[in-house]
Amino acid sequence: MKKIALFLTLFLLGFLNVNQAQAYTDSVIQGNYEFEYEYTNGGIWITKITPLADEGISMLKIPAKIEGKKVVKLGPKEPENGEWENEEYEENVFGVRLAPDDADTPCWPMDIYERTKKIKRIRIPETVKEITGMTFIHLQDGKSINIPKGVVKNVTGLTYYKWKKFTISPKNKKYKKVNGCLLSKDGKIVYGLLEERDKVVMPKTVTKMMLGAATAYDDTSTIVLPKGLRKIENDGFQISSKVTIKVAKGNKKYAAKHGCLYNKKTGKLVTGSAPNGVLHIPHGVTYVTGYYVSVGVRYDDTGSHWFGGGTQKMIVPSTVKKLDRILNFFDGPDCEIVMQAKKPPKLSCLLVHQGIKNVAVYVPKGVKAAYEKAWGKKFKEYSSLTVTFIEKKQ
C-alpha cells in the first residue's frame, strides 16, 4: 500500500509540474521581433509575435528553435470562454483584432496593425506542424508566405487572403498549389485562390469546389471553371461585379450567362455579378436564393465583407419558379425587381436588410392583381418596406 501511495503522490506531482510547464509563457527577442511562447507537446508553441520597430521588419522569420527546442506550433490560443464566437474578439498572432464599431480605426492596437502592413515576407520553418485558425486574420494582402510539409490543419483558411507569393512544400501530404489555387493533393478539390491573379483558370483535374462563404475572387477579372467540375460546396462562392465567369465547353452541370453561374440540372442560381448595378438572371434558372449566394461582394478596409455590393435592379426570367431571400442581393434604400413571368413565382423569406426602404416590382401587363395577391402578405410582414407593383410592357 505504501508503494502505491508513493507512486500516486509522485504521479500527481509530475502531473502538476507538466501543467505548470505548459501554462508558463516566456518570450525571446530576435531581430526586431518579440516571440511569446509556451511549451507544448513536442516542443515550443509561439502564441504571439510583436514587431518592435517601424523599420527592419519586412522579413518575419519564425525561429525553428527556442531554448534548444523545436518550434512546432504557431498562432494565438483560443479563449476558453467562447469569446471568439464574436468576431470582435478574433485576435491574430500579432495581437490585432477589429476595433469597436464606434472607433475611428479599423483595427487595434493601431500601431501594431500599421507595422504589420510593412511585413512583406513570412517564413515558417519546417519544424512547424500546426497553425491555429486565427493566426493571420486581419492581416493585409500582398505578402509572401510558405507552408511547411507537416502543416495540414487550417490551411484552407489562408485562401481568405490574397498573397503575393504562396509556396507549399512538395512533401505536404494534403495540399498543393496549381495556377494560384489551393488544391487537394490529388488535384480533384479546389479550396480557393491563394494569389492575386487577373485570370484564374481552374485546373482540368478539379471536380469539386470547396468554397466557404467568405472565400472570394474579388480581384480577378475572369474565372474559367473546368469541364469536369461536378460540385460546388455551400451552393456558391463570392465574386465582385467586375468578375466574368466562364465554363469550359462540355461541362454537363454548370453554365454561365449575363455574369451569372447556374446549375443546369437543378436550375439553381449559384452566384453572379451585377455590372452597373443590374443582376440579370439567365433564362433557364428556376430557383433564386440569397442564402449562400452572393452578388457583387463588397469589402471594407479590414477585408471584412458583406452581401449586396451595389445591386439596384434584378431581372428575373419567366423560367424562375421560386424566390428566396432575394432582398439579400440589394443595397438600400431603393431597389427594382423586374419579373418576366405572368404567373407569380413562389416567394418565401425576404431577409430584409441593408436599409432597404422602397421596392418597385415591375410585372407584365394584366397580372398586377395576381402578384399583389401572391406577394402582398409576404411584403407586409416588413413594416419598414414600401412596395409598389407596376405593370410594364416586357
Protein backbone atom coordinates (compact mmCIF):
# COMPACT_ATOMS: atom_id res chain seq x y z
CA MET A 1 0.00 0.00 0.00
CA LYS A 2 2.88 2.39 0.85
CA LYS A 3 4.37 1.82 -2.61
CA ILE A 4 1.03 2.55 -4.27
CA ALA A 5 0.58 5.74 -2.22
CA LEU A 6 4.12 6.88 -3.07
CA PHE A 7 3.51 6.17 -6.74
CA LEU A 8 0.27 8.18 -6.76
CA THR A 9 1.95 11.10 -4.97
CA LEU A 10 4.81 11.21 -7.47
CA PHE A 11 2.36 10.89 -10.35
CA LEU A 12 0.27 13.83 -9.11
CA LEU A 13 3.36 15.98 -8.54
CA GLY A 14 4.56 15.18 -12.04
CA PHE A 15 1.16 15.97 -13.48
CA LEU A 16 1.09 19.34 -11.74
CA ASN A 17 4.59 20.14 -12.91
CA VAL A 18 3.64 19.32 -16.52
CA ASN A 19 0.56 21.54 -16.33
CA GLN A 20 2.59 24.37 -14.84
CA ALA A 21 5.20 24.00 -17.56
CA GLN A 22 2.54 24.05 -20.26
CA ALA A 23 0.88 27.13 -18.81
CA TYR A 24 4.16 29.00 -18.42
CA THR A 25 4.67 31.75 -21.01
CA ASP A 26 8.02 33.33 -21.84
CA SER A 27 9.41 35.48 -24.64
CA VAL A 28 12.52 35.92 -26.71
CA ILE A 29 13.65 38.78 -28.95
CA GLN A 30 15.17 38.02 -32.33
CA GLY A 31 15.92 40.95 -34.61
CA ASN A 32 13.05 43.42 -34.43
CA TYR A 33 10.52 40.85 -33.28
CA GLU A 34 9.49 39.54 -29.89
CA PHE A 35 8.16 35.97 -29.81
CA GLU A 36 5.99 34.91 -26.89
CA TYR A 37 5.83 31.16 -26.40
CA GLU A 38 4.99 28.29 -24.13
CA TYR A 39 5.79 24.61 -24.01
CA THR A 40 3.51 22.14 -25.76
CA ASN A 41 3.67 18.50 -26.74
CA GLY A 42 6.71 18.01 -28.92
CA GLY A 43 8.26 21.44 -28.48
CA ILE A 44 7.50 25.17 -28.49
CA TRP A 45 4.24 26.93 -29.33
CA ILE A 46 4.63 30.58 -30.44
CA THR A 47 1.42 32.27 -29.35
CA LYS A 48 2.19 35.92 -30.12
CA ILE A 49 4.58 37.91 -32.32
CA THR A 50 5.18 41.62 -31.74
CA PRO A 51 7.05 43.81 -34.24
CA LEU A 52 9.19 46.13 -32.09
CA ALA A 53 10.12 48.78 -34.66
CA ASP A 54 8.71 50.64 -37.64
CA GLU A 55 11.64 49.68 -39.86
CA GLY A 56 13.60 46.50 -40.47
CA ILE A 57 10.56 44.24 -40.20
CA SER A 58 9.87 43.42 -43.86
CA MET A 59 11.05 39.82 -43.27
CA LEU A 60 9.36 37.88 -40.50
CA LYS A 61 11.45 34.78 -39.93
CA ILE A 62 9.81 32.41 -37.46
CA PRO A 63 12.59 30.72 -35.42
CA ALA A 64 12.97 26.97 -35.86
CA LYS A 65 14.19 26.56 -32.27
CA ILE A 66 13.84 28.37 -28.97
CA GLU A 67 15.88 27.29 -25.95
CA GLY A 68 17.11 24.34 -27.98
CA LYS A 69 13.57 23.02 -28.54
CA LYS A 70 11.82 22.87 -31.91
CA VAL A 71 9.03 25.33 -32.70
CA VAL A 72 6.14 23.06 -33.66
CA LYS A 73 3.07 25.28 -33.39
CA LEU A 74 2.15 28.84 -34.39
CA GLY A 75 -0.83 31.03 -33.59
CA PRO A 76 -2.92 32.57 -30.81
CA LYS A 77 -4.71 30.48 -28.22
CA GLU A 78 -8.49 30.39 -28.35
CA PRO A 79 -10.23 31.78 -25.25
CA GLU A 80 -11.93 29.15 -23.12
CA ASN A 81 -14.97 31.37 -22.54
CA GLY A 82 -16.05 31.28 -26.19
CA GLU A 83 -15.39 34.98 -26.84
CA TRP A 84 -14.21 34.17 -30.35
CA GLU A 85 -17.74 33.33 -31.33
CA ASN A 86 -17.95 37.12 -31.73
CA GLU A 87 -15.65 38.46 -34.48
CA GLU A 88 -14.84 41.46 -32.27
CA TYR A 89 -12.66 39.14 -30.19
CA GLU A 90 -10.93 37.37 -33.10
CA GLU A 91 -7.28 38.15 -32.47
CA ASN A 92 -4.40 37.22 -34.76
CA VAL A 93 -0.87 36.13 -33.85
CA PHE A 94 0.18 39.81 -33.70
CA GLY A 95 -2.49 40.60 -31.10
CA VAL A 96 -4.56 42.61 -33.60
CA ARG A 97 -8.35 42.49 -33.52
CA LEU A 98 -11.21 44.50 -35.02
CA ALA A 99 -11.86 47.85 -33.39
CA PRO A 100 -15.32 48.57 -31.93
CA ASP A 101 -17.90 49.99 -34.34
CA ASP A 102 -17.65 53.46 -32.81
CA ALA A 103 -13.84 53.62 -33.22
CA ASP A 104 -12.17 55.74 -35.90
CA THR A 105 -9.73 52.96 -36.86
CA PRO A 106 -10.45 49.57 -38.48
CA CYS A 107 -8.31 47.55 -36.04
CA TRP A 108 -6.47 47.92 -32.77
CA PRO A 109 -3.89 48.29 -31.43
CA MET A 110 -3.45 50.56 -34.44
CA ASP A 111 0.32 50.93 -34.11
CA ILE A 112 0.81 47.16 -34.40
CA TYR A 113 -1.70 46.96 -37.27
CA GLU A 114 0.26 49.65 -39.15
CA ARG A 115 3.52 47.80 -38.55
CA THR A 116 2.12 44.54 -39.91
CA LYS A 117 1.48 46.37 -43.18
CA LYS A 118 5.25 46.57 -43.60
CA ILE A 119 5.75 42.81 -43.40
CA LYS A 120 6.46 41.59 -46.93
CA ARG A 121 7.52 38.01 -46.33
CA ILE A 122 6.65 35.44 -43.67
CA ARG A 123 9.00 32.46 -43.44
CA ILE A 124 7.75 29.46 -41.46
CA PRO A 125 10.32 26.76 -40.55
CA GLU A 126 9.81 23.11 -41.49
CA THR A 127 9.64 22.26 -37.78
CA VAL A 128 6.12 23.76 -37.54
CA LYS A 129 3.39 21.13 -37.63
CA GLU A 130 0.32 23.22 -36.84
CA ILE A 131 -1.03 26.72 -37.45
CA THR A 132 -4.10 27.79 -35.47
CA GLY A 133 -7.15 29.10 -37.28
CA MET A 134 -6.90 32.80 -36.35
CA THR A 135 -3.15 33.16 -36.93
CA PHE A 136 -3.34 35.54 -39.91
CA ILE A 137 -6.83 37.01 -39.59
CA HIS A 138 -6.89 40.82 -40.11
CA LEU A 139 -3.55 40.59 -41.93
CA GLN A 140 -3.25 42.69 -45.06
CA ASP A 141 -2.99 41.18 -48.56
CA GLY A 142 0.13 41.21 -50.73
CA LYS A 143 2.57 39.28 -48.55
CA SER A 144 4.62 36.16 -49.35
CA ILE A 145 4.36 33.04 -47.21
CA ASN A 146 5.38 29.38 -47.21
CA ILE A 147 3.60 26.34 -45.77
CA PRO A 148 5.81 23.50 -44.43
CA LYS A 149 5.25 19.85 -45.26
CA GLY A 150 3.75 18.96 -41.88
CA VAL A 151 1.05 21.66 -41.73
CA VAL A 152 -2.34 20.27 -42.79
CA LYS A 153 -4.76 21.99 -40.37
CA ASN A 154 -6.29 25.43 -41.08
CA VAL A 155 -4.57 25.71 -44.46
CA THR A 156 -7.80 26.28 -46.38
CA GLY A 157 -8.42 29.41 -44.30
CA LEU A 158 -5.40 31.01 -45.97
CA THR A 159 -7.49 31.43 -49.13
CA TYR A 160 -9.29 34.25 -47.31
CA TYR A 161 -6.28 36.43 -48.18
CA LYS A 162 -4.51 37.26 -51.42
CA TRP A 163 -0.81 36.52 -51.13
CA LYS A 164 1.80 37.99 -53.44
CA LYS A 165 3.52 34.62 -53.43
CA PHE A 166 2.34 31.44 -51.77
CA THR A 167 4.52 28.33 -51.69
CA ILE A 168 3.73 24.97 -50.16
CA SER A 169 6.22 22.18 -49.60
CA PRO A 170 6.03 19.49 -52.32
CA LYS A 171 6.24 17.00 -49.44
CA ASN A 172 2.96 18.24 -47.93
CA LYS A 173 0.66 15.20 -47.96
CA LYS A 174 -2.67 17.03 -48.18
CA TYR A 175 -2.33 20.16 -50.35
CA LYS A 176 -0.62 21.62 -53.39
CA LYS A 177 -0.80 24.84 -55.40
CA VAL A 178 -1.63 24.96 -59.12
CA ASN A 179 -2.44 28.10 -61.15
CA GLY A 180 -2.54 30.12 -57.94
CA CYS A 181 -5.23 27.84 -56.46
CA LEU A 182 -5.09 25.66 -53.37
CA LEU A 183 -5.86 22.06 -54.35
CA SER A 184 -6.10 18.73 -52.65
CA LYS A 185 -3.05 16.57 -53.23
CA ASP A 186 -4.86 14.54 -55.92
CA GLY A 187 -5.93 17.74 -57.66
CA LYS A 188 -9.65 16.95 -57.55
CA ILE A 189 -10.72 19.56 -54.97
CA VAL A 190 -10.06 23.30 -55.18
CA TYR A 191 -10.33 25.26 -51.92
CA GLY A 192 -9.85 28.76 -53.27
CA LEU A 193 -7.49 31.28 -54.77
CA LEU A 194 -4.23 32.00 -52.96
CA GLU A 195 -2.53 34.62 -55.11
CA GLU A 196 -3.60 37.76 -56.92
CA ARG A 197 -4.40 36.73 -60.49
CA ASP A 198 -6.07 38.71 -63.26
CA LYS A 199 -7.37 35.47 -64.78
CA VAL A 200 -7.93 32.21 -62.92
CA VAL A 201 -8.13 29.01 -64.94
CA MET A 202 -9.17 26.15 -62.71
CA PRO A 203 -7.02 23.04 -63.32
CA LYS A 204 -8.65 20.38 -65.52
CA THR A 205 -8.34 17.85 -62.70
CA VAL A 206 -10.82 19.73 -60.48
CA THR A 207 -14.21 18.07 -59.96
CA LYS A 208 -15.27 19.84 -56.74
CA MET A 209 -15.05 23.37 -55.36
CA MET A 210 -14.90 23.59 -51.57
CA LEU A 211 -15.58 27.27 -51.15
CA GLY A 212 -16.78 28.72 -47.87
CA ALA A 213 -18.97 31.80 -47.60
CA ALA A 214 -16.01 34.09 -47.08
CA THR A 215 -13.91 32.90 -49.99
CA ALA A 216 -13.87 35.44 -52.80
CA TYR A 217 -12.28 36.10 -56.18
CA ASP A 218 -12.76 39.83 -55.83
CA ASP A 219 -9.52 40.95 -57.51
CA THR A 220 -9.90 38.66 -60.52
CA SER A 221 -11.32 39.71 -63.87
CA THR A 222 -12.05 36.23 -65.27
CA ILE A 223 -12.66 32.79 -63.75
CA VAL A 224 -12.74 29.75 -66.00
CA LEU A 225 -14.35 26.66 -64.49
CA PRO A 226 -13.20 23.25 -65.82
CA LYS A 227 -15.17 20.79 -67.90
CA GLY A 228 -15.09 18.14 -65.18
CA LEU A 229 -16.49 20.32 -62.36
CA ARG A 230 -19.41 18.47 -60.80
CA LYS A 231 -19.99 20.01 -57.38
CA ILE A 232 -19.73 23.40 -55.69
CA GLU A 233 -19.86 23.11 -51.91
CA ASN A 234 -22.04 25.53 -49.88
CA ASP A 235 -24.03 26.28 -53.03
CA GLY A 236 -21.84 29.11 -54.18
CA PHE A 237 -18.89 31.41 -53.94
CA GLN A 238 -18.41 35.14 -53.93
CA ILE A 239 -17.44 37.36 -56.82
CA SER A 240 -17.48 41.09 -57.40
CA SER A 241 -19.38 42.90 -60.12
CA LYS A 242 -16.27 43.13 -62.29
CA VAL A 243 -15.66 39.37 -62.44
CA THR A 244 -16.57 37.36 -65.54
CA ILE A 245 -17.38 33.68 -65.07
CA LYS A 246 -16.77 31.23 -67.89
CA VAL A 247 -17.38 27.50 -68.03
CA ALA A 248 -15.27 25.21 -70.17
CA LYS A 249 -17.07 23.69 -73.14
CA GLY A 250 -18.57 20.30 -72.41
CA ASN A 251 -19.41 20.84 -68.73
CA LYS A 252 -22.59 18.85 -68.12
CA LYS A 253 -23.71 20.55 -64.92
CA TYR A 254 -22.89 24.28 -64.95
CA ALA A 255 -23.44 27.16 -67.35
CA ALA A 256 -22.70 30.88 -67.27
CA LYS A 257 -24.51 33.82 -68.85
CA HIS A 258 -25.04 37.51 -68.07
CA GLY A 259 -22.28 37.26 -65.46
CA CYS A 260 -24.18 34.56 -63.55
CA LEU A 261 -23.36 30.92 -62.87
CA TYR A 262 -26.17 28.40 -62.53
CA ASN A 263 -26.75 24.68 -62.20
CA LYS A 264 -28.25 23.34 -65.43
CA LYS A 265 -29.63 20.24 -63.72
CA THR A 266 -31.32 21.84 -60.70
CA GLY A 267 -31.93 25.27 -62.21
CA LYS A 268 -30.46 26.96 -59.14
CA LEU A 269 -28.53 30.22 -59.35
CA VAL A 270 -25.06 29.65 -57.91
CA THR A 271 -23.59 33.13 -57.99
CA GLY A 272 -23.48 36.21 -60.15
CA SER A 273 -22.21 39.69 -60.78
CA ALA A 274 -24.18 42.89 -61.17
CA PRO A 275 -22.37 45.18 -63.63
CA ASN A 276 -23.73 48.72 -63.46
CA GLY A 277 -25.95 47.59 -60.61
CA VAL A 278 -28.05 45.20 -62.69
CA LEU A 279 -28.31 41.50 -61.84
CA HIS A 280 -29.60 39.79 -64.99
CA ILE A 281 -30.57 36.22 -64.14
CA PRO A 282 -30.26 33.90 -67.17
CA HIS A 283 -33.20 32.16 -68.82
CA GLY A 284 -33.22 28.57 -67.58
CA VAL A 285 -32.74 29.39 -63.91
CA THR A 286 -35.69 28.11 -61.86
CA TYR A 287 -34.64 28.90 -58.28
CA VAL A 288 -33.02 32.08 -56.93
CA THR A 289 -31.92 32.39 -53.32
CA GLY A 290 -29.90 34.95 -51.42
CA TYR A 291 -28.79 32.30 -48.94
CA TYR A 292 -25.19 31.18 -49.54
CA VAL A 293 -25.32 33.07 -52.83
CA SER A 294 -23.72 36.48 -53.14
CA VAL A 295 -23.69 39.03 -55.89
CA GLY A 296 -21.19 41.86 -56.18
CA VAL A 297 -19.41 41.34 -52.86
CA ARG A 298 -18.11 44.46 -51.12
CA TYR A 299 -15.23 44.84 -48.67
CA ASP A 300 -14.07 47.33 -46.08
CA ASP A 301 -10.51 48.26 -45.09
CA THR A 302 -10.10 45.20 -42.87
CA GLY A 303 -11.09 42.70 -45.53
CA SER A 304 -14.48 42.06 -43.95
CA HIS A 305 -17.24 41.52 -46.50
CA TRP A 306 -20.98 41.77 -46.76
CA PHE A 307 -23.61 40.70 -49.22
CA GLY A 308 -25.25 43.09 -51.66
CA GLY A 309 -22.49 45.11 -53.21
CA GLY A 310 -24.20 47.61 -55.48
CA THR A 311 -27.18 45.71 -56.94
CA GLN A 312 -30.09 48.07 -57.54
CA LYS A 313 -32.01 46.11 -60.15
CA MET A 314 -32.78 42.42 -60.65
CA ILE A 315 -34.21 40.95 -63.86
CA VAL A 316 -35.99 37.65 -63.20
CA PRO A 317 -36.81 35.43 -66.23
CA SER A 318 -40.06 33.57 -66.74
CA THR A 319 -38.35 30.23 -66.01
CA VAL A 320 -37.93 31.07 -62.29
CA LYS A 321 -40.44 29.25 -60.10
CA LYS A 322 -39.17 30.13 -56.63
CA LEU A 323 -37.52 33.16 -54.98
CA ASP A 324 -35.99 33.08 -51.50
CA ARG A 325 -34.31 35.89 -49.54
CA ILE A 326 -33.85 37.90 -52.73
CA LEU A 327 -33.52 41.26 -50.97
CA ASN A 328 -30.22 39.93 -49.64
CA PHE A 329 -28.74 40.85 -53.02
CA PHE A 330 -29.55 44.55 -52.74
CA ASP A 331 -28.13 47.65 -51.14
CA GLY A 332 -30.63 50.18 -49.86
CA PRO A 333 -32.62 52.27 -49.91
CA ASP A 334 -34.27 51.66 -53.30
CA CYS A 335 -34.39 48.53 -55.43
CA GLU A 336 -36.18 47.26 -58.53
CA ILE A 337 -37.31 43.74 -59.34
CA VAL A 338 -38.35 43.13 -62.94
CA MET A 339 -40.49 40.00 -63.26
CA GLN A 340 -40.96 38.42 -66.70
CA ALA A 341 -43.30 35.58 -65.65
CA LYS A 342 -47.05 36.10 -65.89
CA LYS A 343 -47.62 33.60 -63.09
CA PRO A 344 -46.03 34.82 -59.84
CA PRO A 345 -43.22 32.53 -58.63
CA LYS A 346 -43.34 31.33 -55.04
CA LEU A 347 -41.87 33.98 -52.74
CA SER A 348 -40.53 32.79 -49.38
CA CYS A 349 -38.37 34.57 -46.82
CA LEU A 350 -37.29 38.06 -47.93
CA LEU A 351 -34.46 38.67 -45.44
CA VAL A 352 -34.72 42.46 -45.47
CA HIS A 353 -31.52 44.28 -44.52
CA GLN A 354 -29.02 46.92 -45.73
CA GLY A 355 -31.50 49.72 -45.08
CA ILE A 356 -33.87 48.86 -47.93
CA LYS A 357 -36.96 51.06 -47.80
CA ASN A 358 -38.56 51.11 -51.25
CA VAL A 359 -39.16 48.13 -53.52
CA ALA A 360 -40.58 48.55 -57.02
CA VAL A 361 -41.84 45.30 -58.57
CA TYR A 362 -42.37 45.51 -62.34
CA VAL A 363 -44.70 42.83 -63.75
CA PRO A 364 -46.17 42.01 -67.19
CA LYS A 365 -49.35 43.68 -68.39
CA GLY A 366 -52.53 42.28 -66.90
CA VAL A 367 -51.03 40.39 -63.92
CA LYS A 368 -50.58 43.14 -61.34
CA ALA A 369 -53.50 41.87 -59.26
CA ALA A 370 -52.12 38.32 -59.30
CA TYR A 371 -48.75 39.49 -57.97
CA GLU A 372 -50.33 41.68 -55.30
CA LYS A 373 -52.40 38.72 -54.11
CA ALA A 374 -49.49 36.24 -54.17
CA TRP A 375 -46.78 38.50 -52.74
CA GLY A 376 -48.60 41.23 -50.85
CA LYS A 377 -48.82 39.47 -47.48
CA LYS A 378 -45.16 38.50 -47.58
CA PHE A 379 -44.03 42.08 -48.09
CA LYS A 380 -46.44 43.38 -45.45
CA GLU A 381 -44.55 41.35 -42.84
CA TYR A 382 -41.95 44.12 -43.00
CA SER A 383 -43.49 47.41 -41.93
CA SER A 384 -40.34 49.30 -42.90
CA LEU A 385 -40.87 48.49 -46.59
CA THR A 386 -42.86 50.46 -49.14
CA VAL A 387 -43.71 48.13 -52.02
CA THR A 388 -45.19 49.21 -55.34
CA PHE A 389 -46.39 46.84 -58.06
CA ILE A 390 -46.15 48.36 -61.54
CA GLU A 391 -47.40 46.88 -64.80
CA LYS A 392 -44.86 47.26 -67.56
CA LYS A 393 -44.65 46.00 -71.10
CA GLN A 394 -41.89 43.41 -71.11
